[in-house]
């Protein structure tokens, strides 16, 4: 714990600077931000009209489920059948039961307001665990107009996946890989976008617990959490469940996309464009894997060789810091968002609370960091999206990703592989 320096109110500038930057005052600033955002959220609920988009369909779908239907293809609403895994159905069945079939809008807004603040608290806890972000940056977490709308004015199911993934990242940051895997799988049980983190999770598991435990985590935790809640649907009609809950071929409508608006619709909807973006996604993950995330372990080849030679032991050379873990997980998610063919407005919740953290892993001056944040936020608030707003979003995401690559892609305290004992004069210290 950092020693808390006194705040000399006789020197207000120095006192304010200390309060807004010193880690010892992190939770003091966080508490003020949360209090202010709680008030703001209630004002939004009170004075901004709710807009129905998808929630009524969620309720219609779970009403069919509540009547006893277990064929996933028949859990339908006004916009079609359920296209999310079983966790989505259970959550909205519960919400339906406690809000009179979704009619109690005030209670729903209070639930989603609490959900929003819970996500914000988890993000703050992640920032504190990883370190390297000034206290004043927390203000950005409360400043997104679009994010407030996604939660308390729209009730999107993405909010629940975000809660699970932020909790998962926090568990991984605290080196609890078992809890992290459980929470990841629970998030995936609500919506498939949690898979964007999966390459990073596999890498971190392999580095930190070894090949055997990585396979066990996948088979006994992640996979089983996907299967057991889905059994009522799998036993009834497995094809209907799997093709609906995990439809990798699903094509989103061009008119709703926030990104790639400058691409002609015919190209946007084409299979070749989809394959191009998927290949670019995989290539960027590979670049980070080869050039950044495994350098502290002597490179990918050396990491794999150690891991395969001693499968029951960690493959790493040096224990990863919490900063490294969070940066890798958030970056993998950002890569997925950047190369996604279609981003609907609710998808902003996937990474909005992560953007400030990643900006402080770039080498850009603070004014540039804030400008990138503002540009991304602006793009997500233009409705309908335009060629210009879509281009700004892509540029903002790309600048953020490049900044992380050329900045602190392994966390601000980048770890180095230990010097071989034949050369070193003393054993290298391992960083916890």
Protein backbone atom coordinates (compact mmCIF):
# COMPACT_ATOMS: atom_id res chain seq x y z
CA UNK A 1 0.00 0.00 0.00
CA UNK A 2 1.24 3.48 -0.83
CA UNK A 3 1.79 5.79 2.12
CA UNK A 4 -0.86 8.46 2.03
CA UNK A 5 0.68 11.92 1.77
CA UNK A 6 -1.20 14.66 3.63
CA UNK A 7 -3.28 17.13 1.65
CA UNK A 8 -2.12 20.65 2.47
CA UNK A 9 -5.24 22.74 1.91
CA UNK A 10 -3.09 25.84 2.27
CA UNK A 11 -1.62 24.87 -1.10
CA UNK A 12 -4.77 23.97 -3.04
CA UNK A 13 -3.07 23.25 -6.38
CA UNK A 14 -0.59 20.86 -4.82
CA UNK A 15 -3.33 19.25 -2.72
CA UNK A 16 -5.58 18.77 -5.77
CA UNK A 17 -2.70 17.34 -7.79
CA UNK A 18 -1.87 14.86 -5.04
CA UNK A 19 -5.51 13.87 -4.61
CA UNK A 20 -6.03 13.32 -8.34
CA UNK A 21 -2.81 11.43 -9.03
CA UNK A 22 -1.50 9.65 -5.94
CA UNK A 23 -2.51 5.94 -5.75
CA UNK A 24 -3.26 6.26 -2.03
CA UNK A 25 -6.28 8.41 -2.92
CA UNK A 26 -7.52 6.15 -5.71
CA UNK A 27 -10.63 4.90 -3.90
CA UNK A 28 -11.40 8.37 -2.55
CA UNK A 29 -11.60 9.69 -6.11
CA UNK A 30 -13.44 6.55 -7.20
CA UNK A 31 -16.05 7.03 -4.48
CA UNK A 32 -16.71 10.61 -5.59
CA UNK A 33 -16.99 9.54 -9.24
CA UNK A 34 -19.39 6.74 -8.32
CA UNK A 35 -21.52 9.04 -6.18
CA UNK A 36 -21.73 11.61 -8.94
CA UNK A 37 -22.51 8.97 -11.54
CA UNK A 38 -25.20 7.42 -9.35
CA UNK A 39 -26.91 10.81 -9.16
CA UNK A 40 -26.47 11.34 -12.91
CA UNK A 41 -27.93 7.91 -13.65
CA UNK A 42 -31.02 8.66 -11.56
CA UNK A 43 -31.47 11.99 -13.35
CA UNK A 44 -31.28 10.20 -16.71
CA UNK A 45 -33.90 7.70 -15.55
CA UNK A 46 -36.11 10.54 -14.35
CA UNK A 47 -35.88 12.91 -17.29
CA UNK A 48 -34.82 10.94 -20.42
CA UNK A 49 -37.50 8.76 -22.06
CA UNK A 50 -36.94 5.03 -22.30
CA UNK A 51 -36.68 3.70 -25.87
CA UNK A 52 -37.85 0.17 -26.63
CA UNK A 53 -35.58 -1.77 -28.99
CA UNK A 54 -34.92 -5.39 -28.04
CA UNK A 55 -36.11 -5.89 -24.47
CA UNK A 56 -39.75 -6.59 -25.34
CA UNK A 57 -38.54 -9.32 -27.68
CA UNK A 58 -36.46 -10.81 -24.88
CA UNK A 59 -39.60 -10.95 -22.72
CA UNK A 60 -41.68 -12.48 -25.51
CA UNK A 61 -39.07 -15.17 -26.02
CA UNK A 62 -38.79 -16.11 -22.34
CA UNK A 63 -42.57 -16.11 -22.02
CA UNK A 64 -42.58 -19.02 -24.46
CA UNK A 65 -39.86 -20.68 -22.36
CA UNK A 66 -41.80 -20.11 -19.14
CA UNK A 67 -44.77 -21.91 -20.70
CA UNK A 68 -42.63 -25.04 -21.05
CA UNK A 69 -41.14 -24.86 -24.54
CA UNK A 70 -37.60 -26.27 -24.74
CA UNK A 71 -37.04 -26.26 -28.49
CA UNK A 72 -34.70 -23.28 -28.87
CA UNK A 73 -35.87 -22.59 -32.40
CA UNK A 74 -39.40 -22.02 -31.06
CA UNK A 75 -38.44 -19.48 -28.38
CA UNK A 76 -39.50 -16.59 -30.59
CA UNK A 77 -40.52 -12.97 -30.28
CA UNK A 78 -41.50 -10.15 -32.60
CA UNK A 79 -38.01 -9.96 -34.13
CA UNK A 80 -37.38 -13.70 -34.30
CA UNK A 81 -36.01 -16.56 -32.18
CA UNK A 82 -33.44 -16.42 -29.39
CA UNK A 83 -29.92 -15.99 -30.81
CA UNK A 84 -28.02 -16.10 -27.50
CA UNK A 85 -26.93 -18.95 -25.18
CA UNK A 86 -29.02 -20.31 -22.32
CA UNK A 87 -27.84 -17.80 -19.71
CA UNK A 88 -29.66 -15.09 -21.62
CA UNK A 89 -32.93 -17.00 -21.27
CA UNK A 90 -32.52 -17.61 -17.54
CA UNK A 91 -31.62 -13.98 -16.77
CA UNK A 92 -34.57 -12.57 -18.68
CA UNK A 93 -36.96 -15.17 -17.32
CA UNK A 94 -36.00 -13.97 -13.84
CA UNK A 95 -36.33 -10.32 -14.86
CA UNK A 96 -39.74 -11.06 -16.35
CA UNK A 97 -40.93 -12.72 -13.16
CA UNK A 98 -39.91 -9.86 -10.86
CA UNK A 99 -41.05 -7.00 -13.11
CA UNK A 100 -44.52 -8.25 -14.05
CA UNK A 101 -43.51 -9.44 -17.50
CA UNK A 102 -41.33 -6.38 -18.06
CA UNK A 103 -44.17 -3.93 -17.34
CA UNK A 104 -42.52 -2.45 -14.25
CA UNK A 105 -40.18 -0.13 -16.11
CA UNK A 106 -39.09 1.79 -13.01
CA UNK A 107 -37.84 -1.38 -11.31
CA UNK A 108 -36.10 -2.47 -14.50
CA UNK A 109 -34.32 0.87 -14.76
CA UNK A 110 -33.20 0.61 -11.15
CA UNK A 111 -31.88 -2.92 -11.80
CA UNK A 112 -29.98 -1.79 -14.88
CA UNK A 113 -28.76 1.32 -13.09
CA UNK A 114 -27.32 -0.90 -10.36
CA UNK A 115 -25.86 -3.18 -13.05
CA UNK A 116 -24.20 -0.18 -14.70
CA UNK A 117 -22.64 0.98 -11.43
CA UNK A 118 -21.51 -2.58 -10.64
CA UNK A 119 -19.68 -2.71 -13.97
CA UNK A 120 -18.10 0.67 -13.20
CA UNK A 121 -16.94 -0.53 -9.77
CA UNK A 122 -15.41 -3.66 -11.31
CA UNK A 123 -13.60 -1.54 -13.89
CA UNK A 124 -12.24 0.68 -11.11
CA UNK A 125 -11.10 -2.38 -9.14
CA UNK A 126 -9.30 -3.64 -12.25
CA UNK A 127 -7.60 -0.28 -12.72
CA UNK A 128 -6.49 -0.28 -9.07
CA UNK A 129 -5.23 -3.86 -9.19
CA UNK A 130 -3.23 -3.26 -12.37
CA UNK A 131 -2.07 0.23 -11.45
CA UNK A 132 -0.50 2.74 -13.80
CA UNK A 133 -3.57 4.93 -14.31
CA UNK A 134 -3.88 8.35 -12.60
CA UNK A 135 -6.91 8.79 -10.35
CA UNK A 136 -8.39 11.57 -12.47
CA UNK A 137 -8.81 9.16 -15.40
CA UNK A 138 -11.67 7.52 -13.48
CA UNK A 139 -13.84 10.52 -14.38
CA UNK A 140 -13.88 9.25 -17.99
CA UNK A 141 -15.64 6.09 -16.85
CA UNK A 142 -18.70 8.14 -15.91
CA UNK A 143 -18.78 10.43 -18.93
CA UNK A 144 -20.17 8.22 -21.68
CA UNK A 145 -23.61 9.31 -22.88
CA UNK A 146 -24.01 6.17 -24.98
CA UNK A 147 -23.08 3.81 -22.16
CA UNK A 148 -25.74 5.25 -19.85
CA UNK A 149 -28.25 4.81 -22.65
CA UNK A 150 -27.29 1.16 -23.28
CA UNK A 151 -27.95 0.29 -19.66
CA UNK A 152 -30.85 2.33 -18.28
CA UNK A 153 -32.64 3.42 -21.46
CA UNK A 154 -32.34 0.24 -23.57
CA UNK A 155 -31.86 -2.82 -21.26
CA UNK A 156 -29.54 -4.66 -23.66
CA UNK A 157 -28.36 -8.14 -22.73
CA UNK A 158 -24.77 -7.09 -23.54
CA UNK A 159 -24.73 -5.43 -20.12
CA UNK A 160 -24.84 -8.81 -18.39
CA UNK A 161 -21.98 -10.21 -20.45
CA UNK A 162 -19.96 -7.09 -19.65
CA UNK A 163 -20.54 -7.64 -15.93
CA UNK A 164 -19.31 -11.24 -16.18
CA UNK A 165 -16.26 -10.38 -18.24
CA UNK A 166 -15.16 -7.51 -16.01
CA UNK A 167 -15.49 -9.80 -13.00
CA UNK A 168 -13.49 -12.43 -14.89
CA UNK A 169 -10.71 -9.97 -15.76
CA UNK A 170 -10.51 -8.88 -12.13
CA UNK A 171 -10.18 -12.50 -10.99
CA UNK A 172 -7.43 -13.14 -13.54
CA UNK A 173 -5.68 -9.94 -12.46
CA UNK A 174 -5.66 -11.25 -8.90
CA UNK A 175 -4.10 -14.53 -10.23
CA UNK A 176 -7.20 -16.60 -9.48
CA UNK A 177 -7.35 -18.48 -12.75
CA UNK A 178 -10.06 -20.90 -11.64
CA UNK A 179 -12.54 -18.17 -10.68
CA UNK A 180 -11.53 -16.22 -13.77
CA UNK A 181 -12.38 -19.20 -15.99
CA UNK A 182 -15.72 -19.77 -14.26
CA UNK A 183 -16.72 -16.13 -14.66
CA UNK A 184 -15.59 -16.08 -18.29
CA UNK A 185 -17.77 -19.09 -19.05
CA UNK A 186 -20.74 -17.50 -17.28
CA UNK A 187 -20.30 -14.38 -19.41
CA UNK A 188 -20.10 -16.54 -22.52
CA UNK A 189 -23.32 -18.24 -21.41
CA UNK A 190 -25.10 -14.92 -21.97
CA UNK A 191 -23.56 -13.74 -25.25
CA UNK A 192 -20.94 -15.02 -27.64
CA UNK A 193 -18.82 -11.84 -27.77
CA UNK A 194 -16.98 -13.05 -24.64
CA UNK A 195 -15.06 -15.33 -27.05
CA UNK A 196 -13.01 -12.29 -28.04
CA UNK A 197 -11.08 -12.77 -24.80
CA UNK A 198 -10.52 -16.50 -25.30
CA UNK A 199 -7.14 -16.36 -27.14
CA UNK A 200 -5.71 -14.19 -24.35
CA UNK A 201 -7.16 -16.46 -21.66
CA UNK A 202 -5.57 -19.52 -23.27
CA UNK A 203 -2.21 -17.74 -23.41
CA UNK A 204 -2.39 -16.58 -19.79
CA UNK A 205 -3.45 -20.02 -18.58
CA UNK A 206 -0.67 -21.74 -20.52
CA UNK A 207 1.91 -19.29 -19.20
CA UNK A 208 0.75 -19.36 -15.60
CA UNK A 209 -0.59 -22.86 -14.85
CA UNK A 210 0.76 -25.04 -17.67
CA UNK A 211 -0.73 -27.20 -20.41
CA UNK A 212 -2.39 -29.82 -18.19
CA UNK A 213 -4.21 -27.34 -15.96
CA UNK A 214 -5.18 -25.25 -19.01
CA UNK A 215 -6.87 -28.28 -20.58
CA UNK A 216 -8.50 -29.15 -17.26
CA UNK A 217 -9.81 -25.60 -16.86
CA UNK A 218 -11.32 -25.81 -20.32
CA UNK A 219 -12.84 -29.28 -20.00
CA UNK A 220 -14.01 -29.25 -16.38
CA UNK A 221 -15.00 -25.61 -15.98
CA UNK A 222 -15.50 -23.61 -19.16
CA UNK A 223 -17.05 -26.39 -21.24
CA UNK A 224 -19.21 -27.85 -18.49
CA UNK A 225 -20.62 -24.44 -17.55
CA UNK A 226 -21.71 -24.12 -21.18
CA UNK A 227 -23.26 -27.59 -21.27
CA UNK A 228 -25.05 -28.06 -17.94
CA UNK A 229 -27.39 -25.01 -18.05
CA UNK A 230 -28.12 -25.80 -21.70
CA UNK A 231 -29.09 -29.44 -21.07
CA UNK A 232 -32.87 -28.84 -21.16
CA UNK A 233 -32.44 -27.47 -24.68
CA UNK A 234 -29.67 -29.83 -25.79
CA UNK A 235 -31.64 -32.89 -24.75
CA UNK A 236 -34.72 -31.67 -26.59
CA UNK A 237 -33.09 -30.46 -29.83
CA UNK A 238 -29.30 -30.04 -29.76
CA UNK A 239 -29.07 -28.76 -33.33
CA UNK A 240 -31.61 -26.01 -32.69
CA UNK A 241 -29.77 -24.87 -29.57
CA UNK A 242 -26.24 -24.90 -30.99
CA UNK A 243 -27.17 -23.22 -34.27
CA UNK A 244 -29.14 -20.51 -32.48
CA UNK A 245 -26.93 -19.83 -29.46
CA UNK A 246 -23.62 -19.97 -31.32
CA UNK A 247 -24.39 -18.91 -34.85
CA UNK A 248 -20.98 -17.90 -36.22
CA UNK A 249 -22.41 -17.25 -39.69
CA UNK A 250 -24.91 -14.63 -38.54
CA UNK A 251 -24.88 -11.49 -40.70
CA UNK A 252 -26.01 -8.22 -39.10
CA UNK A 253 -27.99 -5.66 -41.04
CA UNK A 254 -25.91 -2.96 -42.69
CA UNK A 255 -28.31 -0.19 -41.65
CA UNK A 256 -27.55 -0.70 -37.95
CA UNK A 257 -23.77 -0.88 -38.10
CA UNK A 258 -21.63 1.80 -36.47
CA UNK A 259 -18.39 0.75 -38.15
CA UNK A 260 -17.42 0.14 -41.79
CA UNK A 261 -20.25 2.45 -42.93
CA UNK A 262 -17.91 3.78 -45.62
CA UNK A 263 -17.83 0.32 -47.24
CA UNK A 264 -20.55 -0.27 -49.88
CA UNK A 265 -23.39 -2.46 -48.58
CA UNK A 266 -22.76 -5.15 -51.17
CA UNK A 267 -19.13 -5.43 -50.08
CA UNK A 268 -20.08 -5.22 -46.38
CA UNK A 269 -22.43 -8.20 -46.68
CA UNK A 270 -20.10 -10.30 -48.82
CA UNK A 271 -18.41 -13.42 -47.52
CA UNK A 272 -15.05 -12.26 -48.85
CA UNK A 273 -15.15 -9.10 -46.71
CA UNK A 274 -16.02 -11.19 -43.66
CA UNK A 275 -13.11 -13.53 -44.34
CA UNK A 276 -10.76 -10.58 -44.84
CA UNK A 277 -11.67 -9.11 -41.46
CA UNK A 278 -11.42 -12.50 -39.75
CA UNK A 279 -7.96 -13.02 -41.25
CA UNK A 280 -6.89 -9.53 -40.18
CA UNK A 281 -8.17 -10.26 -36.68
CA UNK A 282 -6.15 -13.47 -36.48
CA UNK A 283 -3.09 -11.78 -37.96
CA UNK A 284 -3.17 -8.95 -35.41
CA UNK A 285 -3.51 -11.42 -32.55
CA UNK A 286 -0.51 -13.25 -33.99
CA UNK A 287 1.54 -10.06 -34.20
CA UNK A 288 0.88 -9.22 -30.55
CA UNK A 289 1.54 -12.82 -29.55
CA UNK A 290 4.87 -13.00 -31.36
CA UNK A 291 6.16 -9.47 -30.89
CA UNK A 292 4.80 -8.44 -27.51
CA UNK A 293 2.99 -10.90 -25.25
CA UNK A 294 5.62 -13.67 -25.26
CA UNK A 295 8.83 -11.63 -25.41
CA UNK A 296 9.30 -11.79 -21.64
CA UNK A 297 9.24 -15.58 -21.90
CA UNK A 298 11.91 -15.74 -24.61
CA UNK A 299 9.47 -15.74 -27.52
CA UNK A 300 6.59 -17.93 -28.58
CA UNK A 301 8.78 -20.83 -29.68
CA UNK A 302 10.61 -20.99 -26.35
CA UNK A 303 7.33 -20.67 -24.44
CA UNK A 304 5.74 -23.55 -26.34
CA UNK A 305 8.84 -25.71 -25.98
CA UNK A 306 8.90 -25.29 -22.21
CA UNK A 307 5.16 -25.81 -21.90
CA UNK A 308 5.19 -29.02 -23.91
CA UNK A 309 8.33 -30.34 -22.22
CA UNK A 310 6.88 -29.82 -18.73
CA UNK A 311 3.08 -29.90 -19.27
CA UNK A 312 2.19 -29.99 -15.58
CA UNK A 313 4.18 -26.82 -14.79
CA UNK A 314 3.85 -23.16 -15.74
CA UNK A 315 5.49 -22.39 -19.08
CA UNK A 316 6.53 -18.87 -18.12
CA UNK A 317 9.99 -17.68 -17.16
CA UNK A 318 8.71 -14.87 -14.96
CA UNK A 319 5.40 -14.56 -13.14
CA UNK A 320 3.16 -12.08 -14.96
CA UNK A 321 2.10 -8.89 -13.25
CA UNK A 322 -1.54 -7.98 -12.83
CA UNK A 323 -0.85 -5.10 -15.20
CA UNK A 324 0.34 -7.52 -17.90
CA UNK A 325 -2.71 -9.77 -17.45
CA UNK A 326 -5.21 -6.93 -17.70
CA UNK A 327 -3.45 -5.30 -20.63
CA UNK A 328 -3.37 -8.56 -22.60
CA UNK A 329 -7.04 -9.33 -21.92
CA UNK A 330 -8.25 -5.83 -22.75
CA UNK A 331 -6.08 -5.69 -25.88
CA UNK A 332 -7.41 -9.00 -27.18
CA UNK A 333 -10.94 -7.66 -26.76
CA UNK A 334 -10.02 -4.40 -28.52
CA UNK A 335 -8.56 -6.34 -31.46
CA UNK A 336 -11.83 -8.22 -31.79
CA UNK A 337 -13.87 -5.02 -31.68
CA UNK A 338 -11.62 -3.26 -34.21
CA UNK A 339 -11.96 -6.04 -36.79
CA UNK A 340 -15.64 -6.84 -36.19
CA UNK A 341 -17.63 -6.53 -39.40
CA UNK A 342 -20.64 -5.04 -37.66
CA UNK A 343 -20.85 -3.12 -34.42
CA UNK A 344 -24.30 -2.18 -33.19
CA UNK A 345 -24.70 0.63 -30.68
CA UNK A 346 -25.04 -1.69 -27.69
CA UNK A 347 -21.69 -3.28 -28.55
CA UNK A 348 -19.96 -0.21 -27.16
CA UNK A 349 -20.52 -1.73 -23.72
CA UNK A 350 -18.05 -4.47 -24.70
CA UNK A 351 -15.09 -2.11 -24.29
CA UNK A 352 -16.17 1.38 -23.26
CA UNK A 353 -14.93 0.99 -19.67
CA UNK A 354 -11.60 -0.39 -20.92
CA UNK A 355 -10.67 2.45 -23.25
CA UNK A 356 -9.19 4.81 -20.60
CA UNK A 357 -7.03 2.00 -19.20
CA UNK A 358 -5.66 1.13 -22.65
CA UNK A 359 -5.08 4.79 -23.49
CA UNK A 360 -2.74 4.94 -20.50
CA UNK A 361 -0.79 2.04 -22.04
CA UNK A 362 0.00 4.16 -25.10
CA UNK A 363 2.94 6.59 -25.47
CA UNK A 364 0.68 9.44 -26.58
CA UNK A 365 0.65 12.76 -24.68
CA UNK A 366 -2.36 13.22 -22.41
CA UNK A 367 -4.15 15.66 -24.81
CA UNK A 368 -3.92 13.05 -27.59
CA UNK A 369 -5.19 10.32 -25.28
CA UNK A 370 -8.18 12.43 -24.32
CA UNK A 371 -8.79 13.31 -27.98
CA UNK A 372 -8.88 9.62 -28.95
CA UNK A 373 -11.34 8.92 -26.13
CA UNK A 374 -13.53 11.84 -27.24
CA UNK A 375 -13.40 10.76 -30.89
CA UNK A 376 -14.49 7.21 -30.09
CA UNK A 377 -17.25 8.45 -27.80
CA UNK A 378 -18.42 10.90 -30.49
CA UNK A 379 -18.59 8.16 -33.12
CA UNK A 380 -20.74 5.96 -30.89
CA UNK A 381 -23.18 8.83 -30.32
CA UNK A 382 -23.85 9.66 -33.97
CA UNK A 383 -27.18 8.11 -34.98
CA UNK A 384 -27.53 6.87 -37.59
CA UNK A 385 -23.85 6.38 -38.26
CA UNK A 386 -22.32 8.16 -41.22
CA UNK A 387 -19.29 7.68 -43.42
CA UNK A 388 -17.50 10.31 -41.32
CA UNK A 389 -18.48 8.95 -37.89
CA UNK A 390 -17.65 5.41 -38.95
CA UNK A 391 -14.26 6.52 -40.24
CA UNK A 392 -13.59 8.35 -36.97
CA UNK A 393 -14.46 5.21 -34.99
CA UNK A 394 -12.12 3.04 -37.03
CA UNK A 395 -9.34 5.64 -36.78
CA UNK A 396 -9.82 5.95 -33.01
CA UNK A 397 -9.77 2.19 -32.45
CA UNK A 398 -6.77 1.79 -34.74
CA UNK A 399 -4.81 4.58 -33.03
CA UNK A 400 -5.58 3.04 -29.65
CA UNK A 401 -4.43 -0.39 -30.81
CA UNK A 402 -1.25 0.95 -32.40
CA UNK A 403 -0.54 3.01 -29.31
CA UNK A 404 -0.75 -0.07 -27.09
CA UNK A 405 1.50 -2.02 -29.48
CA UNK A 406 4.21 0.64 -29.48
CA UNK A 407 3.62 1.55 -25.84
CA UNK A 408 3.16 -0.75 -22.86
CA UNK A 409 1.65 -3.83 -24.51
CA UNK A 410 2.92 -5.98 -21.62
CA UNK A 411 1.83 -3.53 -18.95
CA UNK A 412 3.65 -0.45 -17.80
CA UNK A 413 6.22 -2.46 -15.82
CA UNK A 414 7.21 -4.71 -18.73
CA UNK A 415 8.86 -7.89 -17.56
CA UNK A 416 12.16 -9.09 -19.00
CA UNK A 417 13.30 -12.65 -19.33
CA UNK A 418 15.89 -13.47 -16.65
CA UNK A 419 19.54 -13.40 -17.68
CA UNK A 420 21.01 -16.94 -17.96
CA UNK A 421 22.83 -17.98 -14.81
CA UNK A 422 26.04 -18.56 -16.74
CA UNK A 423 26.14 -14.85 -17.46
CA UNK A 424 24.33 -13.30 -14.53
CA UNK A 425 26.24 -12.35 -11.43
CA UNK A 426 23.19 -13.01 -9.29
CA UNK A 427 19.85 -14.70 -9.69
CA UNK A 428 17.19 -12.44 -11.24
CA UNK A 429 14.33 -11.33 -9.10
CA UNK A 430 10.86 -12.45 -10.06
CA UNK A 431 8.16 -9.87 -10.03
CA UNK A 432 4.89 -10.91 -8.41
